[in-house]
C-alpha atoms as a PDB file:
ATOM      1  CA  UNK A   1     -17.366 -45.743 126.424  1.00  0.00           C
ATOM      2  CA  UNK A   2     -19.020 -46.638 129.692  1.00  0.00           C
ATOM      3  CA  UNK A   3     -20.257 -43.806 131.775  1.00  0.00           C
ATOM      4  CA  UNK A   4     -18.367 -43.442 135.246  1.00  0.00           C
ATOM      5  CA  UNK A   5     -21.739 -43.554 137.137  1.00  0.00           C
ATOM      6  CA  UNK A   6     -22.430 -47.016 135.533  1.00  0.00           C
ATOM      7  CA  UNK A   7     -19.389 -48.782 137.116  1.00  0.00           C
ATOM      8  CA  UNK A   8     -18.445 -50.058 140.486  1.00  0.00           C
ATOM      9  CA  UNK A   9     -15.909 -48.251 142.521  1.00  0.00           C
ATOM     10  CA  UNK A  10     -13.521 -51.140 141.985  1.00  0.00           C
ATOM     11  CA  UNK A  11     -13.816 -51.021 138.200  1.00  0.00           C
ATOM     12  CA  UNK A  12     -13.573 -47.214 138.322  1.00  0.00           C
ATOM     13  CA  UNK A  13     -10.292 -47.568 140.125  1.00  0.00           C
ATOM     14  CA  UNK A  14      -8.977 -50.035 137.533  1.00  0.00           C
ATOM     15  CA  UNK A  15     -10.032 -47.697 134.788  1.00  0.00           C
ATOM     16  CA  UNK A  16      -8.219 -44.791 136.437  1.00  0.00           C
ATOM     17  CA  UNK A  17      -5.029 -46.812 136.787  1.00  0.00           C
ATOM     18  CA  UNK A  18      -5.383 -47.818 133.126  1.00  0.00           C
ATOM     19  CA  UNK A  19      -5.817 -44.156 132.043  1.00  0.00           C
ATOM     20  CA  UNK A  20      -2.748 -43.151 134.127  1.00  0.00           C
ATOM     21  CA  UNK A  21      -0.765 -45.789 132.283  1.00  0.00           C
ATOM     22  CA  UNK A  22      -1.731 -44.561 128.802  1.00  0.00           C
ATOM     23  CA  UNK A  23       1.023 -41.833 128.427  1.00  0.00           C
ATOM     24  CA  UNK A  24       3.792 -44.390 129.022  1.00  0.00           C
ATOM     25  CA  UNK A  25       2.213 -46.897 126.624  1.00  0.00           C
ATOM     26  CA  UNK A  26       1.791 -44.216 123.901  1.00  0.00           C
ATOM     27  CA  UNK A  27       5.309 -43.174 124.328  1.00  0.00           C
ATOM     28  CA  UNK A  28       6.520 -46.624 123.898  1.00  0.00           C
ATOM     29  CA  UNK A  29       4.588 -46.985 120.697  1.00  0.00           C
ATOM     30  CA  UNK A  30       5.910 -43.740 119.187  1.00  0.00           C
ATOM     31  CA  UNK A  31       9.528 -44.461 120.304  1.00  0.00           C
ATOM     32  CA  UNK A  32       9.267 -47.903 118.584  1.00  0.00           C
ATOM     33  CA  UNK A  33       7.897 -46.441 115.465  1.00  0.00           C
ATOM     34  CA  UNK A  34      10.792 -44.026 115.356  1.00  0.00           C
ATOM     35  CA  UNK A  35      13.184 -47.024 115.603  1.00  0.00           C
ATOM     36  CA  UNK A  36      11.362 -48.619 112.595  1.00  0.00           C
ATOM     37  CA  UNK A  37      11.880 -45.499 110.586  1.00  0.00           C
ATOM     38  CA  UNK A  38      15.499 -44.914 111.614  1.00  0.00           C
ATOM     39  CA  UNK A  39      16.958 -48.336 112.070  1.00  0.00           C
ATOM     40  CA  UNK A  40      17.341 -50.784 109.090  1.00  0.00           C
ATOM     41  CA  UNK A  41      19.230 -53.295 111.360  1.00  0.00           C
ATOM     42  CA  UNK A  42      17.040 -56.435 111.311  1.00  0.00           C
ATOM     43  CA  UNK A  43      17.441 -56.874 115.086  1.00  0.00           C
ATOM     44  CA  UNK A  44      16.255 -53.308 115.842  1.00  0.00           C
ATOM     45  CA  UNK A  45      13.322 -53.646 113.443  1.00  0.00           C
ATOM     46  CA  UNK A  46      12.255 -56.829 115.066  1.00  0.00           C
ATOM     47  CA  UNK A  47      12.630 -55.424 118.584  1.00  0.00           C
ATOM     48  CA  UNK A  48      10.556 -52.430 117.566  1.00  0.00           C
ATOM     49  CA  UNK A  49       7.802 -54.568 116.036  1.00  0.00           C
ATOM     50  CA  UNK A  50       7.704 -56.770 119.093  1.00  0.00           C
ATOM     51  CA  UNK A  51       7.390 -53.761 121.360  1.00  0.00           C
ATOM     52  CA  UNK A  52       4.525 -52.312 119.386  1.00  0.00           C
ATOM     53  CA  UNK A  53       2.897 -55.746 119.054  1.00  0.00           C
ATOM     54  CA  UNK A  54       3.075 -56.253 122.902  1.00  0.00           C
ATOM     55  CA  UNK A  55       1.724 -52.745 123.710  1.00  0.00           C
ATOM     56  CA  UNK A  56      -1.095 -52.918 121.191  1.00  0.00           C
ATOM     57  CA  UNK A  57      -1.980 -56.374 122.428  1.00  0.00           C
ATOM     58  CA  UNK A  58      -2.256 -55.129 126.037  1.00  0.00           C
ATOM     59  CA  UNK A  59      -4.211 -52.123 124.953  1.00  0.00           C
ATOM     60  CA  UNK A  60      -6.654 -54.202 123.046  1.00  0.00           C
ATOM     61  CA  UNK A  61      -7.483 -56.401 126.004  1.00  0.00           C
ATOM     62  CA  UNK A  62      -7.329 -53.893 128.741  1.00  0.00           C
ATOM     63  CA  UNK A  63      -9.140 -50.984 127.004  1.00  0.00           C
ATOM     64  CA  UNK A  64     -11.995 -53.210 125.964  1.00  0.00           C
ATOM     65  CA  UNK A  65     -12.240 -54.647 129.567  1.00  0.00           C
ATOM     66  CA  UNK A  66     -12.618 -51.233 131.066  1.00  0.00           C
ATOM     67  CA  UNK A  67     -15.017 -49.779 128.651  1.00  0.00           C
ATOM     68  CA  UNK A  68     -12.816 -47.927 126.012  1.00  0.00           C
ATOM     69  CA  UNK A  69     -14.125 -49.795 123.053  1.00  0.00           C
ATOM     70  CA  UNK A  70     -12.862 -47.427 120.417  1.00  0.00           C
ATOM     71  CA  UNK A  71      -9.381 -47.514 121.763  1.00  0.00           C
ATOM     72  CA  UNK A  72      -9.484 -51.313 121.992  1.00  0.00           C
ATOM     73  CA  UNK A  73     -10.631 -51.595 118.357  1.00  0.00           C
ATOM     74  CA  UNK A  74      -7.945 -49.224 117.075  1.00  0.00           C
ATOM     75  CA  UNK A  75      -5.191 -51.042 119.061  1.00  0.00           C
ATOM     76  CA  UNK A  76      -6.503 -54.291 117.661  1.00  0.00           C
ATOM     77  CA  UNK A  77      -6.220 -53.081 114.133  1.00  0.00           C
ATOM     78  CA  UNK A  78      -2.663 -51.977 114.644  1.00  0.00           C
ATOM     79  CA  UNK A  79      -1.880 -55.324 116.363  1.00  0.00           C
ATOM     80  CA  UNK A  80      -3.299 -57.321 113.403  1.00  0.00           C
ATOM     81  CA  UNK A  81      -1.180 -55.238 110.973  1.00  0.00           C
ATOM     82  CA  UNK A  82       1.900 -55.839 113.059  1.00  0.00           C
ATOM     83  CA  UNK A  83       1.127 -59.602 113.220  1.00  0.00           C
ATOM     84  CA  UNK A  84       1.112 -59.775 109.518  1.00  0.00           C
ATOM     85  CA  UNK A  85       4.551 -57.872 109.409  1.00  0.00           C
ATOM     86  CA  UNK A  86       5.915 -60.304 111.912  1.00  0.00           C
ATOM     87  CA  UNK A  87       5.081 -63.181 109.770  1.00  0.00           C
ATOM     88  CA  UNK A  88       6.682 -61.633 106.635  1.00  0.00           C
ATOM     89  CA  UNK A  89      10.255 -60.499 105.950  1.00  0.00           C
ATOM     90  CA  UNK A  90      10.662 -57.629 108.320  1.00  0.00           C
ATOM     91  CA  UNK A  91      13.567 -56.281 106.315  1.00  0.00           C
ATOM     92  CA  UNK A  92      11.193 -55.440 103.564  1.00  0.00           C
ATOM     93  CA  UNK A  93       8.831 -53.056 105.337  1.00  0.00           C
ATOM     94  CA  UNK A  94       6.998 -51.052 102.782  1.00  0.00           C
ATOM     95  CA  UNK A  95       6.573 -47.366 102.846  1.00  0.00           C
ATOM     96  CA  UNK A  96       2.922 -47.785 102.706  1.00  0.00           C
ATOM     97  CA  UNK A  97       2.989 -49.774 105.878  1.00  0.00           C
ATOM     98  CA  UNK A  98       4.859 -46.877 107.629  1.00  0.00           C
ATOM     99  CA  UNK A  99       2.279 -44.435 106.466  1.00  0.00           C
ATOM    100  CA  UNK A 100      -0.635 -46.828 107.480  1.00  0.00           C
ATOM    101  CA  UNK A 101       1.066 -47.252 110.880  1.00  0.00           C
ATOM    102  CA  UNK A 102       1.473 -43.470 111.254  1.00  0.00           C
ATOM    103  CA  UNK A 103      -2.226 -42.925 110.442  1.00  0.00           C
ATOM    104  CA  UNK A 104      -3.330 -45.607 112.926  1.00  0.00           C
ATOM    105  CA  UNK A 105      -1.150 -44.198 115.624  1.00  0.00           C
ATOM    106  CA  UNK A 106      -2.810 -40.779 115.042  1.00  0.00           C
ATOM    107  CA  UNK A 107      -6.302 -42.442 115.461  1.00  0.00           C
ATOM    108  CA  UNK A 108      -4.969 -44.238 118.626  1.00  0.00           C
ATOM    109  CA  UNK A 109      -3.801 -40.775 119.984  1.00  0.00           C
ATOM    110  CA  UNK A 110      -7.339 -39.381 119.448  1.00  0.00           C
ATOM    111  CA  UNK A 111      -8.928 -42.385 121.141  1.00  0.00           C
ATOM    112  CA  UNK A 112      -6.485 -42.012 124.140  1.00  0.00           C
ATOM    113  CA  UNK A 113      -7.408 -38.386 124.403  1.00  0.00           C
ATOM    114  CA  UNK A 114     -11.069 -39.451 124.532  1.00  0.00           C
ATOM    115  CA  UNK A 115     -10.303 -41.554 127.616  1.00  0.00           C
ATOM    116  CA  UNK A 116      -9.641 -38.314 129.530  1.00  0.00           C
ATOM    117  CA  UNK A 117     -13.069 -36.806 128.725  1.00  0.00           C
END
């Protein structure tokens, strides 16, 4: 993570706005994961995967750009897993994928908490 003293005021303002947006982004990820677990309707599963894919894609790029490398890397891992699922039969989500996703979201939560330090 980049030290706040090492960045321009403009970049610091961008970082602060990014950090302010994190709760909403994390909430969207967790809500989508709940839909994956609860809904077996292929449309709902596809929508949840797309939401998670979009949010993790945005986190990957923006977090890395503003110096939150760990958060960016974890979001990228989740995004790559979701990309593989998107390319496969989404109706056949494996339980181990759900567990892996849960574990990765916990790592992401920790990385998000570190952004506030």
